[in-house]
């Protein structure tokens, strides 16, 4: 609903048309939705969602003095975010850092190349453009109490930090699905 520009409907007696009051839906090409508001204490407010490429940002503007300034402030914030930060996907690929894992040793039969470790989907980190992904520290934590069941098993977590701040996290999944042999 928050991303709908126009909405038309009819009843038995009358037709109705609504136009979304969020002007950024019409003026900012990356805007995907949002909600306008006003109270005497918060003044003009605007929550806006925008997507450029794979990165989606949320902007919250409070206490704008005029209805126009909430839109210009929001567009400036979103442009700053899109122009100065990049998103990195850290999920869905094979997970290679197994050296310290209690699950997979030279003596363990749990690991096979047919059932690789992967990170859970949806794992992204956002970094300033001035930061190289190699500057991010990765900490792997395994849950040694995990009892492996058939199918996907969460056996740990990967936490990504930059300047001692967490910038992302994803689960380590071991898929123990048995395949039928002919």
C-alpha atoms as a PDB file:
ATOM      1  CA  UNK A   1       0.000   0.000   0.000  1.00  0.00           C
ATOM      2  CA  UNK A   2       2.773   2.476   0.894  1.00  0.00           C
ATOM      3  CA  UNK A   3       4.235   2.125  -2.598  1.00  0.00           C
ATOM      4  CA  UNK A   4       0.959   2.517  -4.500  1.00  0.00           C
ATOM      5  CA  UNK A   5       0.862   5.791  -6.447  1.00  0.00           C
ATOM      6  CA  UNK A   6      -2.794   5.678  -7.431  1.00  0.00           C
ATOM      7  CA  UNK A   7      -5.766   3.574  -6.398  1.00  0.00           C
ATOM      8  CA  UNK A   8      -9.220   3.520  -7.978  1.00  0.00           C
ATOM      9  CA  UNK A   9     -12.266   1.645  -6.739  1.00  0.00           C
ATOM     10  CA  UNK A  10     -16.023   1.659  -7.178  1.00  0.00           C
ATOM     11  CA  UNK A  11     -19.005   0.997  -4.994  1.00  0.00           C
ATOM     12  CA  UNK A  12     -22.525   0.467  -6.274  1.00  0.00           C
ATOM     13  CA  UNK A  13     -23.153   4.214  -6.169  1.00  0.00           C
ATOM     14  CA  UNK A  14     -19.818   5.973  -6.586  1.00  0.00           C
ATOM     15  CA  UNK A  15     -16.252   5.778  -7.932  1.00  0.00           C
ATOM     16  CA  UNK A  16     -13.274   6.761  -5.754  1.00  0.00           C
ATOM     17  CA  UNK A  17      -9.708   7.710  -6.664  1.00  0.00           C
ATOM     18  CA  UNK A  18      -6.797   8.140  -4.273  1.00  0.00           C
ATOM     19  CA  UNK A  19      -3.368   9.594  -4.931  1.00  0.00           C
ATOM     20  CA  UNK A  20      -0.528   8.797  -2.540  1.00  0.00           C
ATOM     21  CA  UNK A  21       0.649  11.958  -0.732  1.00  0.00           C
ATOM     22  CA  UNK A  22       4.245  10.817  -0.638  1.00  0.00           C
ATOM     23  CA  UNK A  23       5.672  12.982  -3.433  1.00  0.00           C
ATOM     24  CA  UNK A  24       8.901  10.973  -3.539  1.00  0.00           C
ATOM     25  CA  UNK A  25       7.005   8.138  -5.220  1.00  0.00           C
ATOM     26  CA  UNK A  26       6.635  10.483  -8.180  1.00  0.00           C
ATOM     27  CA  UNK A  27       9.896  12.469  -7.928  1.00  0.00           C
ATOM     28  CA  UNK A  28      12.600  10.059  -6.706  1.00  0.00           C
ATOM     29  CA  UNK A  29      13.113   7.215  -9.176  1.00  0.00           C
ATOM     30  CA  UNK A  30      14.419   4.726  -6.580  1.00  0.00           C
ATOM     31  CA  UNK A  31      11.561   5.266  -4.112  1.00  0.00           C
ATOM     32  CA  UNK A  32       9.583   2.079  -3.443  1.00  0.00           C
ATOM     33  CA  UNK A  33       7.276   3.335  -0.697  1.00  0.00           C
ATOM     34  CA  UNK A  34       6.860   5.293   2.466  1.00  0.00           C
ATOM     35  CA  UNK A  35       4.544   7.064   4.864  1.00  0.00           C
ATOM     36  CA  UNK A  36       4.014  10.761   5.470  1.00  0.00           C
ATOM     37  CA  UNK A  37       2.923  12.185   8.792  1.00  0.00           C
ATOM     38  CA  UNK A  38       2.441  15.273  10.885  1.00  0.00           C
ATOM     39  CA  UNK A  39       1.993  16.028  14.576  1.00  0.00           C
ATOM     40  CA  UNK A  40       2.502  19.304  16.423  1.00  0.00           C
ATOM     41  CA  UNK A  41       5.492  17.860  18.305  1.00  0.00           C
ATOM     42  CA  UNK A  42       7.164  15.857  15.520  1.00  0.00           C
ATOM     43  CA  UNK A  43       6.199  18.343  12.778  1.00  0.00           C
ATOM     44  CA  UNK A  44       6.348  16.977   9.229  1.00  0.00           C
ATOM     45  CA  UNK A  45       7.670  13.422   9.146  1.00  0.00           C
ATOM     46  CA  UNK A  46       8.501  10.985   6.389  1.00  0.00           C
ATOM     47  CA  UNK A  47       9.564   7.341   6.394  1.00  0.00           C
ATOM     48  CA  UNK A  48      10.779   6.271   2.960  1.00  0.00           C
ATOM     49  CA  UNK A  49      12.018   3.042   1.376  1.00  0.00           C
ATOM     50  CA  UNK A  50      14.229   3.160  -1.703  1.00  0.00           C
ATOM     51  CA  UNK A  51      16.098   0.541  -3.689  1.00  0.00           C
ATOM     52  CA  UNK A  52      19.037   0.969  -6.054  1.00  0.00           C
ATOM     53  CA  UNK A  53      20.555  -2.217  -7.426  1.00  0.00           C
ATOM     54  CA  UNK A  54      20.742  -4.746  -4.582  1.00  0.00           C
ATOM     55  CA  UNK A  55      20.792  -2.148  -1.809  1.00  0.00           C
ATOM     56  CA  UNK A  56      17.590  -1.076  -0.088  1.00  0.00           C
ATOM     57  CA  UNK A  57      17.654   1.840   2.347  1.00  0.00           C
ATOM     58  CA  UNK A  58      15.171   3.247   4.830  1.00  0.00           C
ATOM     59  CA  UNK A  59      15.175   6.956   5.637  1.00  0.00           C
ATOM     60  CA  UNK A  60      13.345   8.499   8.594  1.00  0.00           C
ATOM     61  CA  UNK A  61      12.991  12.277   8.719  1.00  0.00           C
ATOM     62  CA  UNK A  62      11.408  13.978  11.735  1.00  0.00           C
ATOM     63  CA  UNK A  63      10.791  17.595  12.658  1.00  0.00           C
ATOM     64  CA  UNK A  64      10.854  19.083   9.152  1.00  0.00           C
ATOM     65  CA  UNK A  65       9.556  22.641   9.271  1.00  0.00           C
ATOM     66  CA  UNK A  66       7.789  22.471   5.910  1.00  0.00           C
ATOM     67  CA  UNK A  67       6.219  19.707   3.845  1.00  0.00           C
ATOM     68  CA  UNK A  68       8.749  20.400   1.069  1.00  0.00           C
ATOM     69  CA  UNK A  69      11.807  20.067   3.316  1.00  0.00           C
ATOM     70  CA  UNK A  70      10.844  16.529   4.371  1.00  0.00           C
ATOM     71  CA  UNK A  71      11.184  15.458   0.728  1.00  0.00           C
ATOM     72  CA  UNK A  72      14.439  17.292  -0.008  1.00  0.00           C
ATOM     73  CA  UNK A  73      15.990  16.037   3.264  1.00  0.00           C
ATOM     74  CA  UNK A  74      14.936  12.473   2.497  1.00  0.00           C
ATOM     75  CA  UNK A  75      16.258  12.575  -1.078  1.00  0.00           C
ATOM     76  CA  UNK A  76      19.584  13.937   0.226  1.00  0.00           C
ATOM     77  CA  UNK A  77      19.856  11.197   2.865  1.00  0.00           C
ATOM     78  CA  UNK A  78      19.056   8.440   0.370  1.00  0.00           C
ATOM     79  CA  UNK A  79      21.483   9.810  -2.233  1.00  0.00           C
ATOM     80  CA  UNK A  80      24.198   9.979   0.438  1.00  0.00           C
ATOM     81  CA  UNK A  81      23.585   6.365   1.416  1.00  0.00           C
ATOM     82  CA  UNK A  82      23.515   5.048  -2.146  1.00  0.00           C
ATOM     83  CA  UNK A  83      26.516   7.124  -3.270  1.00  0.00           C
ATOM     84  CA  UNK A  84      28.788   6.406  -0.290  1.00  0.00           C
ATOM     85  CA  UNK A  85      28.049   2.792   0.671  1.00  0.00           C
ATOM     86  CA  UNK A  86      28.120  -0.588  -1.072  1.00  0.00           C
ATOM     87  CA  UNK A  87      26.432  -3.875  -0.277  1.00  0.00           C
ATOM     88  CA  UNK A  88      28.335  -7.164  -0.237  1.00  0.00           C
ATOM     89  CA  UNK A  89      26.598 -10.527  -0.294  1.00  0.00           C
ATOM     90  CA  UNK A  90      28.212 -12.974   2.136  1.00  0.00           C
ATOM     91  CA  UNK A  91      25.655 -15.756   1.834  1.00  0.00           C
ATOM     92  CA  UNK A  92      24.768 -18.659  -0.366  1.00  0.00           C
ATOM     93  CA  UNK A  93      28.273 -19.651  -1.366  1.00  0.00           C
ATOM     94  CA  UNK A  94      30.319 -22.613  -0.235  1.00  0.00           C
ATOM     95  CA  UNK A  95      31.869 -22.025   3.137  1.00  0.00           C
ATOM     96  CA  UNK A  96      35.577 -22.777   3.072  1.00  0.00           C
ATOM     97  CA  UNK A  97      36.788 -21.883   6.604  1.00  0.00           C
ATOM     98  CA  UNK A  98      36.569 -25.306   8.222  1.00  0.00           C
ATOM     99  CA  UNK A  99      40.040 -25.593   9.720  1.00  0.00           C
ATOM    100  CA  UNK A 100      38.893 -24.835  13.265  1.00  0.00           C
ATOM    101  CA  UNK A 101      35.604 -26.690  13.088  1.00  0.00           C
ATOM    102  CA  UNK A 102      34.996 -29.420  15.646  1.00  0.00           C
ATOM    103  CA  UNK A 103      32.692 -31.098  13.120  1.00  0.00           C
ATOM    104  CA  UNK A 104      35.102 -31.707  10.276  1.00  0.00           C
ATOM    105  CA  UNK A 105      38.484 -33.257  10.981  1.00  0.00           C
ATOM    106  CA  UNK A 106      40.603 -35.830   9.197  1.00  0.00           C
ATOM    107  CA  UNK A 107      38.919 -38.428  11.404  1.00  0.00           C
ATOM    108  CA  UNK A 108      35.325 -37.309  10.956  1.00  0.00           C
ATOM    109  CA  UNK A 109      32.935 -38.830   8.439  1.00  0.00           C
ATOM    110  CA  UNK A 110      30.443 -35.963   8.665  1.00  0.00           C
ATOM    111  CA  UNK A 111      31.834 -33.819   5.889  1.00  0.00           C
ATOM    112  CA  UNK A 112      31.657 -34.735   2.244  1.00  0.00           C
ATOM    113  CA  UNK A 113      31.916 -32.650  -0.900  1.00  0.00           C
ATOM    114  CA  UNK A 114      28.384 -33.769  -1.757  1.00  0.00           C
ATOM    115  CA  UNK A 115      27.023 -32.023   1.363  1.00  0.00           C
ATOM    116  CA  UNK A 116      28.986 -28.762   1.592  1.00  0.00           C
ATOM    117  CA  UNK A 117      28.768 -26.094   4.240  1.00  0.00           C
ATOM    118  CA  UNK A 118      26.977 -22.979   3.047  1.00  0.00           C
ATOM    119  CA  UNK A 119      25.984 -19.754   4.665  1.00  0.00           C
ATOM    120  CA  UNK A 120      22.295 -18.992   5.016  1.00  0.00           C
ATOM    121  CA  UNK A 121      20.584 -16.859   2.407  1.00  0.00           C
ATOM    122  CA  UNK A 122      20.001 -13.192   3.078  1.00  0.00           C
ATOM    123  CA  UNK A 123      23.458 -12.466   4.498  1.00  0.00           C
ATOM    124  CA  UNK A 124      24.588  -9.018   3.379  1.00  0.00           C
ATOM    125  CA  UNK A 125      26.913  -6.414   4.797  1.00  0.00           C
ATOM    126  CA  UNK A 126      26.986  -2.712   3.973  1.00  0.00           C
ATOM    127  CA  UNK A 127      30.295  -0.848   4.033  1.00  0.00           C
ATOM    128  CA  UNK A 128      31.507   2.650   3.182  1.00  0.00           C
ATOM    129  CA  UNK A 129      32.909   2.785  -0.360  1.00  0.00           C
ATOM    130  CA  UNK A 130      36.294   3.738   1.113  1.00  0.00           C
ATOM    131  CA  UNK A 131      36.513   0.346   2.872  1.00  0.00           C
ATOM    132  CA  UNK A 132      37.732  -2.740   1.062  1.00  0.00           C
ATOM    133  CA  UNK A 133      35.910  -5.964   1.905  1.00  0.00           C
ATOM    134  CA  UNK A 134      39.298  -7.428   2.930  1.00  0.00           C
ATOM    135  CA  UNK A 135      39.326  -4.981   5.889  1.00  0.00           C
ATOM    136  CA  UNK A 136      36.296  -6.701   7.406  1.00  0.00           C
ATOM    137  CA  UNK A 137      37.073  -9.228  10.114  1.00  0.00           C
ATOM    138  CA  UNK A 138      35.236 -12.522  10.093  1.00  0.00           C
ATOM    139  CA  UNK A 139      34.660 -14.525  13.268  1.00  0.00           C
ATOM    140  CA  UNK A 140      33.382 -18.079  12.963  1.00  0.00           C
ATOM    141  CA  UNK A 141      31.572 -19.599  15.945  1.00  0.00           C
ATOM    142  CA  UNK A 142      30.510 -23.243  15.890  1.00  0.00           C
ATOM    143  CA  UNK A 143      27.737 -24.686  18.024  1.00  0.00           C
ATOM    144  CA  UNK A 144      29.330 -27.892  19.261  1.00  0.00           C
ATOM    145  CA  UNK A 145      26.076 -28.968  20.912  1.00  0.00           C
ATOM    146  CA  UNK A 146      24.321 -29.407  17.566  1.00  0.00           C
ATOM    147  CA  UNK A 147      22.919 -32.867  16.948  1.00  0.00           C
ATOM    148  CA  UNK A 148      22.944 -33.315  13.199  1.00  0.00           C
ATOM    149  CA  UNK A 149      19.595 -34.324  11.781  1.00  0.00           C
ATOM    150  CA  UNK A 150      18.859 -35.302   8.208  1.00  0.00           C
ATOM    151  CA  UNK A 151      18.428 -32.133   6.128  1.00  0.00           C
ATOM    152  CA  UNK A 152      19.730 -28.610   6.768  1.00  0.00           C
ATOM    153  CA  UNK A 153      21.369 -28.028  10.162  1.00  0.00           C
ATOM    154  CA  UNK A 154      22.524 -24.708  11.624  1.00  0.00           C
ATOM    155  CA  UNK A 155      25.931 -25.546  13.052  1.00  0.00           C
ATOM    156  CA  UNK A 156      27.368 -22.096  13.599  1.00  0.00           C
ATOM    157  CA  UNK A 157      27.446 -18.385  12.910  1.00  0.00           C
ATOM    158  CA  UNK A 158      29.736 -16.081  10.984  1.00  0.00           C
ATOM    159  CA  UNK A 159      29.941 -12.538  12.346  1.00  0.00           C
ATOM    160  CA  UNK A 160      31.496  -9.755  10.268  1.00  0.00           C
ATOM    161  CA  UNK A 161      32.963  -6.696  12.012  1.00  0.00           C
ATOM    162  CA  UNK A 162      34.591  -3.475  10.874  1.00  0.00           C
ATOM    163  CA  UNK A 163      36.175  -1.066  13.368  1.00  0.00           C
ATOM    164  CA  UNK A 164      34.846  -3.250  16.205  1.00  0.00           C
ATOM    165  CA  UNK A 165      31.238  -2.841  15.025  1.00  0.00           C
ATOM    166  CA  UNK A 166      29.115  -5.713  13.731  1.00  0.00           C
ATOM    167  CA  UNK A 167      28.277  -5.069  10.068  1.00  0.00           C
ATOM    168  CA  UNK A 168      26.670  -8.415   9.304  1.00  0.00           C
ATOM    169  CA  UNK A 169      25.961 -11.949  10.417  1.00  0.00           C
ATOM    170  CA  UNK A 170      24.894 -15.195   8.773  1.00  0.00           C
ATOM    171  CA  UNK A 171      24.308 -18.797   9.847  1.00  0.00           C
ATOM    172  CA  UNK A 172      26.486 -21.717   8.784  1.00  0.00           C
ATOM    173  CA  UNK A 173      24.317 -24.484   7.370  1.00  0.00           C
ATOM    174  CA  UNK A 174      25.364 -28.105   6.870  1.00  0.00           C
ATOM    175  CA  UNK A 175      22.921 -29.967   4.658  1.00  0.00           C
ATOM    176  CA  UNK A 176      22.948 -33.606   5.676  1.00  0.00           C
ATOM    177  CA  UNK A 177      20.370 -34.724   3.120  1.00  0.00           C
ATOM    178  CA  UNK A 178      20.799 -38.316   2.073  1.00  0.00           C
ATOM    179  CA  UNK A 179      20.678 -38.974  -1.645  1.00  0.00           C
ATOM    180  CA  UNK A 180      19.350 -42.153  -3.138  1.00  0.00           C
ATOM    181  CA  UNK A 181      21.867 -44.366  -4.859  1.00  0.00           C
ATOM    182  CA  UNK A 182      21.041 -46.320  -8.009  1.00  0.00           C
END
